[in-house]
Amino acid sequence: MNSTNAQAYAKVVENGVQAVEAVKELQITGYLADHIFVLAHEKDRTDRIADTADAKEIGIKEEGVFDSLANLFRSRGDELRAKIVSMGFTEAEADFYESELDKGKVLVIAKKKE
């Protein structure tokens, strides 16, 4: 499933290799590396894919201080949904994307150019 809304574009891919390809495609179309994010269910996997793909992780700048602190006390699923919502997606979209991450897939998000 791909989603495009007023805030961001998202694409679910099967694995890290496809995530790297999706990031490169977004860069070719003009997205800056600072506007492309990857998210996987496991934090270390997110780190590895982001480093390999030259993409970012969703952090304090995108989430805000309150949500970042709250994530310290949330389950991983709740944390992932909060990160997805912070990028401009609805709760329903976040639920869908988080369920895909549960299956081992990777989410690539690109914020609209400002």
N, C-alpha and C. Protein backbone atom coordinates (compact mmCIF):
# COMPACT_ATOMS: atom_id res chain seq x y z
N MET A 1 0.85 -1.19 0.00
CA MET A 1 0.00 0.00 0.00
C MET A 1 0.88 1.23 0.00
N ASN A 2 0.56 2.14 -0.87
CA ASN A 2 1.20 3.44 -0.89
C ASN A 2 0.17 4.46 -0.45
N SER A 3 0.61 5.48 0.24
CA SER A 3 -0.31 6.52 0.68
C SER A 3 0.32 7.87 0.41
N THR A 4 -0.47 8.78 -0.07
CA THR A 4 -0.03 10.15 -0.24
C THR A 4 -1.06 11.03 0.41
N ASN A 5 -0.63 11.83 1.37
CA ASN A 5 -1.55 12.78 1.98
C ASN A 5 -0.89 14.15 1.97
N ALA A 6 -1.53 15.11 2.62
CA ALA A 6 -1.01 16.48 2.59
C ALA A 6 0.35 16.60 3.27
N GLN A 7 0.66 15.68 4.15
CA GLN A 7 1.90 15.77 4.90
C GLN A 7 3.03 14.92 4.35
N ALA A 8 2.72 13.71 3.92
CA ALA A 8 3.81 12.79 3.59
C ALA A 8 3.34 11.70 2.64
N TYR A 9 4.33 11.05 2.05
CA TYR A 9 4.14 9.90 1.18
C TYR A 9 4.67 8.69 1.94
N ALA A 10 4.01 7.57 1.83
CA ALA A 10 4.49 6.36 2.49
C ALA A 10 4.39 5.18 1.56
N LYS A 11 5.36 4.28 1.71
CA LYS A 11 5.37 3.05 0.92
C LYS A 11 5.84 1.92 1.81
N VAL A 12 5.08 0.83 1.82
CA VAL A 12 5.47 -0.36 2.55
C VAL A 12 6.23 -1.26 1.59
N VAL A 13 7.42 -1.71 2.02
CA VAL A 13 8.22 -2.61 1.21
C VAL A 13 8.52 -3.87 2.01
N GLU A 14 8.93 -4.91 1.31
CA GLU A 14 9.11 -6.22 1.93
C GLU A 14 10.36 -6.33 2.79
N ASN A 15 11.43 -5.59 2.45
CA ASN A 15 12.70 -5.79 3.15
C ASN A 15 13.60 -4.56 3.02
N GLY A 16 14.77 -4.66 3.63
CA GLY A 16 15.72 -3.55 3.62
C GLY A 16 16.24 -3.21 2.24
N VAL A 17 16.44 -4.22 1.40
CA VAL A 17 16.93 -3.97 0.04
C VAL A 17 15.91 -3.12 -0.72
N GLN A 18 14.65 -3.48 -0.63
CA GLN A 18 13.60 -2.70 -1.30
C GLN A 18 13.48 -1.31 -0.68
N ALA A 19 13.73 -1.18 0.61
CA ALA A 19 13.68 0.13 1.26
C ALA A 19 14.77 1.04 0.70
N VAL A 20 15.97 0.49 0.54
CA VAL A 20 17.08 1.26 -0.04
C VAL A 20 16.71 1.71 -1.46
N GLU A 21 16.13 0.82 -2.25
CA GLU A 21 15.71 1.16 -3.61
C GLU A 21 14.64 2.27 -3.59
N ALA A 22 13.68 2.16 -2.67
CA ALA A 22 12.61 3.17 -2.58
C ALA A 22 13.19 4.53 -2.20
N VAL A 23 14.15 4.55 -1.28
CA VAL A 23 14.79 5.80 -0.88
C VAL A 23 15.52 6.42 -2.07
N LYS A 24 16.24 5.61 -2.80
CA LYS A 24 16.98 6.12 -3.97
C LYS A 24 16.02 6.69 -5.02
N GLU A 25 14.90 6.01 -5.24
CA GLU A 25 13.89 6.52 -6.18
C GLU A 25 13.36 7.88 -5.73
N LEU A 26 13.11 8.02 -4.44
CA LEU A 26 12.61 9.31 -3.91
C LEU A 26 13.67 10.40 -4.08
N GLN A 27 14.93 10.06 -3.86
CA GLN A 27 16.00 11.04 -4.03
C GLN A 27 16.10 11.47 -5.49
N ILE A 28 15.94 10.52 -6.40
CA ILE A 28 15.99 10.84 -7.83
C ILE A 28 14.86 11.80 -8.22
N THR A 29 13.69 11.63 -7.57
CA THR A 29 12.55 12.50 -7.90
C THR A 29 12.64 13.85 -7.21
N GLY A 30 13.70 14.08 -6.41
CA GLY A 30 13.91 15.41 -5.86
C GLY A 30 13.76 15.55 -4.36
N TYR A 31 13.42 14.48 -3.66
CA TYR A 31 13.35 14.56 -2.20
C TYR A 31 14.75 14.63 -1.63
N LEU A 32 14.95 15.47 -0.63
CA LEU A 32 16.23 15.56 0.06
C LEU A 32 16.33 14.44 1.08
N ALA A 33 17.55 14.00 1.37
CA ALA A 33 17.76 12.93 2.35
C ALA A 33 17.14 13.30 3.70
N ASP A 34 17.15 14.58 4.04
CA ASP A 34 16.57 15.03 5.32
C ASP A 34 15.06 14.88 5.37
N HIS A 35 14.42 14.60 4.24
CA HIS A 35 12.97 14.47 4.18
C HIS A 35 12.51 13.04 3.97
N ILE A 36 13.45 12.09 3.98
CA ILE A 36 13.12 10.68 3.75
C ILE A 36 13.44 9.89 5.01
N PHE A 37 12.47 9.10 5.46
CA PHE A 37 12.59 8.35 6.70
C PHE A 37 12.28 6.88 6.46
N VAL A 38 12.91 6.02 7.25
CA VAL A 38 12.58 4.59 7.22
C VAL A 38 12.21 4.16 8.62
N LEU A 39 11.35 3.15 8.68
CA LEU A 39 10.88 2.64 9.96
C LEU A 39 10.66 1.14 9.85
N ALA A 40 11.26 0.41 10.77
CA ALA A 40 11.07 -1.04 10.87
C ALA A 40 10.65 -1.34 12.30
N HIS A 41 10.14 -2.54 12.53
CA HIS A 41 9.66 -2.85 13.88
C HIS A 41 10.79 -2.86 14.90
N GLU A 42 11.96 -3.40 14.51
CA GLU A 42 13.09 -3.44 15.43
C GLU A 42 13.93 -2.18 15.26
N LYS A 43 14.27 -1.54 16.37
CA LYS A 43 15.02 -0.28 16.34
C LYS A 43 16.37 -0.46 15.65
N ASP A 44 17.09 -1.54 15.94
CA ASP A 44 18.41 -1.72 15.32
C ASP A 44 18.29 -1.94 13.82
N ARG A 45 17.22 -2.58 13.38
CA ARG A 45 16.99 -2.76 11.94
C ARG A 45 16.71 -1.41 11.28
N THR A 46 15.92 -0.57 11.96
CA THR A 46 15.67 0.79 11.44
C THR A 46 16.99 1.53 11.29
N ASP A 47 17.86 1.44 12.31
CA ASP A 47 19.16 2.11 12.27
C ASP A 47 19.99 1.65 11.07
N ARG A 48 20.07 0.32 10.88
CA ARG A 48 20.88 -0.24 9.78
C ARG A 48 20.35 0.20 8.42
N ILE A 49 19.04 0.12 8.25
CA ILE A 49 18.46 0.49 6.95
C ILE A 49 18.64 1.98 6.69
N ALA A 50 18.42 2.81 7.70
CA ALA A 50 18.58 4.26 7.53
C ALA A 50 20.02 4.60 7.14
N ASP A 51 20.98 3.96 7.79
CA ASP A 51 22.39 4.21 7.46
C ASP A 51 22.72 3.77 6.04
N THR A 52 22.26 2.60 5.66
CA THR A 52 22.54 2.06 4.33
C THR A 52 21.87 2.88 3.24
N ALA A 53 20.64 3.32 3.50
CA ALA A 53 19.84 4.01 2.48
C ALA A 53 20.11 5.51 2.42
N ASP A 54 20.90 6.04 3.35
CA ASP A 54 21.10 7.48 3.46
C ASP A 54 19.76 8.17 3.70
N ALA A 55 19.02 7.62 4.65
CA ALA A 55 17.73 8.19 5.06
C ALA A 55 17.82 8.50 6.55
N LYS A 56 16.73 9.04 7.08
CA LYS A 56 16.70 9.40 8.49
C LYS A 56 15.76 8.50 9.26
N GLU A 57 15.88 8.59 10.57
CA GLU A 57 14.92 7.97 11.47
C GLU A 57 14.02 9.08 12.00
N ILE A 58 12.80 8.73 12.37
CA ILE A 58 11.88 9.71 12.93
C ILE A 58 12.34 9.99 14.35
N GLY A 59 12.67 11.26 14.64
CA GLY A 59 13.21 11.62 15.94
C GLY A 59 12.49 12.78 16.58
N ILE A 60 13.17 13.43 17.51
CA ILE A 60 12.58 14.53 18.28
C ILE A 60 12.11 15.65 17.37
N LYS A 61 12.88 15.96 16.34
CA LYS A 61 12.51 17.05 15.43
C LYS A 61 11.16 16.80 14.80
N GLU A 62 10.89 15.56 14.42
CA GLU A 62 9.64 15.23 13.75
C GLU A 62 8.51 14.98 14.76
N GLU A 63 8.83 14.33 15.87
CA GLU A 63 7.81 13.95 16.85
C GLU A 63 7.46 15.05 17.83
N GLY A 64 8.45 15.83 18.19
CA GLY A 64 8.28 16.79 19.27
C GLY A 64 8.81 16.17 20.56
N VAL A 65 9.18 17.01 21.50
CA VAL A 65 9.79 16.57 22.74
C VAL A 65 8.82 15.70 23.55
N PHE A 66 7.56 16.11 23.66
CA PHE A 66 6.60 15.37 24.48
C PHE A 66 6.44 13.94 24.00
N ASP A 67 6.20 13.77 22.70
CA ASP A 67 6.02 12.41 22.17
C ASP A 67 7.29 11.58 22.28
N SER A 68 8.44 12.21 22.07
CA SER A 68 9.70 11.47 22.20
C SER A 68 9.89 10.95 23.62
N LEU A 69 9.57 11.79 24.61
CA LEU A 69 9.68 11.35 26.01
C LEU A 69 8.64 10.29 26.32
N ALA A 70 7.42 10.48 25.83
CA ALA A 70 6.35 9.51 26.08
C ALA A 70 6.72 8.15 25.49
N ASN A 71 7.44 8.14 24.38
CA ASN A 71 7.82 6.87 23.74
C ASN A 71 8.71 6.01 24.63
N LEU A 72 9.38 6.62 25.59
CA LEU A 72 10.21 5.86 26.52
C LEU A 72 9.36 4.91 27.36
N PHE A 73 8.07 5.22 27.50
CA PHE A 73 7.18 4.44 28.35
C PHE A 73 6.14 3.66 27.56
N ARG A 74 6.18 3.72 26.25
CA ARG A 74 5.21 3.03 25.40
C ARG A 74 5.75 1.69 24.96
N SER A 75 4.83 0.81 24.59
CA SER A 75 5.24 -0.43 23.94
C SER A 75 5.80 -0.06 22.57
N ARG A 76 6.53 -0.98 21.95
CA ARG A 76 7.11 -0.68 20.64
C ARG A 76 6.01 -0.39 19.62
N GLY A 77 4.91 -1.13 19.66
CA GLY A 77 3.81 -0.87 18.73
C GLY A 77 3.22 0.52 18.91
N ASP A 78 3.00 0.93 20.16
CA ASP A 78 2.47 2.27 20.43
C ASP A 78 3.47 3.33 19.98
N GLU A 79 4.75 3.08 20.22
CA GLU A 79 5.79 4.02 19.80
C GLU A 79 5.79 4.18 18.28
N LEU A 80 5.72 3.07 17.56
CA LEU A 80 5.72 3.12 16.09
C LEU A 80 4.50 3.89 15.58
N ARG A 81 3.33 3.61 16.15
CA ARG A 81 2.12 4.32 15.72
C ARG A 81 2.25 5.82 15.99
N ALA A 82 2.81 6.19 17.15
CA ALA A 82 3.00 7.61 17.47
C ALA A 82 3.95 8.27 16.47
N LYS A 83 5.01 7.58 16.10
CA LYS A 83 5.96 8.12 15.13
C LYS A 83 5.28 8.33 13.77
N ILE A 84 4.47 7.38 13.36
CA ILE A 84 3.79 7.48 12.07
C ILE A 84 2.79 8.63 12.09
N VAL A 85 2.03 8.77 13.16
CA VAL A 85 1.07 9.87 13.29
C VAL A 85 1.82 11.21 13.27
N SER A 86 3.00 11.27 13.91
CA SER A 86 3.76 12.53 13.94
C SER A 86 4.18 12.98 12.55
N MET A 87 4.18 12.05 11.60
CA MET A 87 4.55 12.39 10.22
C MET A 87 3.35 12.86 9.40
N GLY A 88 2.17 12.93 10.03
CA GLY A 88 1.00 13.48 9.36
C GLY A 88 -0.04 12.47 8.94
N PHE A 89 0.11 11.23 9.37
CA PHE A 89 -0.86 10.20 9.00
C PHE A 89 -1.93 10.07 10.08
N THR A 90 -3.07 9.53 9.71
CA THR A 90 -4.17 9.34 10.65
C THR A 90 -3.88 8.14 11.56
N GLU A 91 -4.66 8.03 12.62
CA GLU A 91 -4.54 6.87 13.52
C GLU A 91 -4.80 5.57 12.76
N ALA A 92 -5.80 5.58 11.88
CA ALA A 92 -6.13 4.37 11.11
C ALA A 92 -4.97 3.98 10.19
N GLU A 93 -4.38 4.97 9.54
CA GLU A 93 -3.22 4.68 8.68
C GLU A 93 -2.06 4.14 9.53
N ALA A 94 -1.84 4.76 10.69
CA ALA A 94 -0.77 4.32 11.57
C ALA A 94 -0.99 2.88 12.02
N ASP A 95 -2.24 2.53 12.33
CA ASP A 95 -2.55 1.14 12.72
C ASP A 95 -2.21 0.18 11.59
N PHE A 96 -2.59 0.55 10.37
CA PHE A 96 -2.31 -0.31 9.22
C PHE A 96 -0.80 -0.48 9.03
N TYR A 97 -0.08 0.64 9.00
CA TYR A 97 1.36 0.57 8.77
C TYR A 97 2.07 -0.20 9.89
N GLU A 98 1.65 -0.01 11.13
CA GLU A 98 2.28 -0.73 12.23
C GLU A 98 2.03 -2.22 12.12
N SER A 99 0.85 -2.61 11.65
CA SER A 99 0.56 -4.04 11.47
C SER A 99 1.44 -4.63 10.37
N GLU A 100 1.76 -3.84 9.36
CA GLU A 100 2.67 -4.29 8.31
C GLU A 100 4.10 -4.43 8.86
N LEU A 101 4.50 -3.51 9.72
CA LEU A 101 5.83 -3.61 10.35
C LEU A 101 5.91 -4.86 11.21
N ASP A 102 4.79 -5.23 11.86
CA ASP A 102 4.75 -6.46 12.66
C ASP A 102 5.07 -7.69 11.81
N LYS A 103 4.78 -7.62 10.52
CA LYS A 103 5.01 -8.74 9.61
C LYS A 103 6.44 -8.75 9.05
N GLY A 104 7.27 -7.82 9.53
CA GLY A 104 8.66 -7.77 9.08
C GLY A 104 8.91 -6.82 7.91
N LYS A 105 7.87 -6.10 7.51
CA LYS A 105 8.04 -5.17 6.39
C LYS A 105 8.67 -3.87 6.88
N VAL A 106 9.02 -3.01 5.93
CA VAL A 106 9.67 -1.73 6.23
C VAL A 106 8.82 -0.62 5.64
N LEU A 107 8.72 0.48 6.37
CA LEU A 107 7.95 1.64 5.91
C LEU A 107 8.92 2.75 5.51
N VAL A 108 8.75 3.26 4.30
CA VAL A 108 9.54 4.39 3.81
C VAL A 108 8.59 5.58 3.72
N ILE A 109 8.97 6.68 4.36
CA ILE A 109 8.14 7.89 4.39
C ILE A 109 8.95 9.05 3.84
N ALA A 110 8.31 9.86 3.02
CA ALA A 110 8.94 11.08 2.50
C ALA A 110 8.02 12.25 2.81
N LYS A 111 8.56 13.23 3.52
CA LYS A 111 7.78 14.42 3.81
C LYS A 111 7.71 15.28 2.56
N LYS A 112 6.60 15.97 2.41
CA LYS A 112 6.45 16.89 1.29
C LYS A 112 7.52 17.95 1.35
N LYS A 113 7.95 18.35 0.19
CA LYS A 113 8.95 19.43 0.10
C LYS A 113 8.31 20.70 0.63
N GLU A 114 9.07 21.44 1.42
CA GLU A 114 8.53 22.66 2.00
C GLU A 114 8.92 23.87 1.21
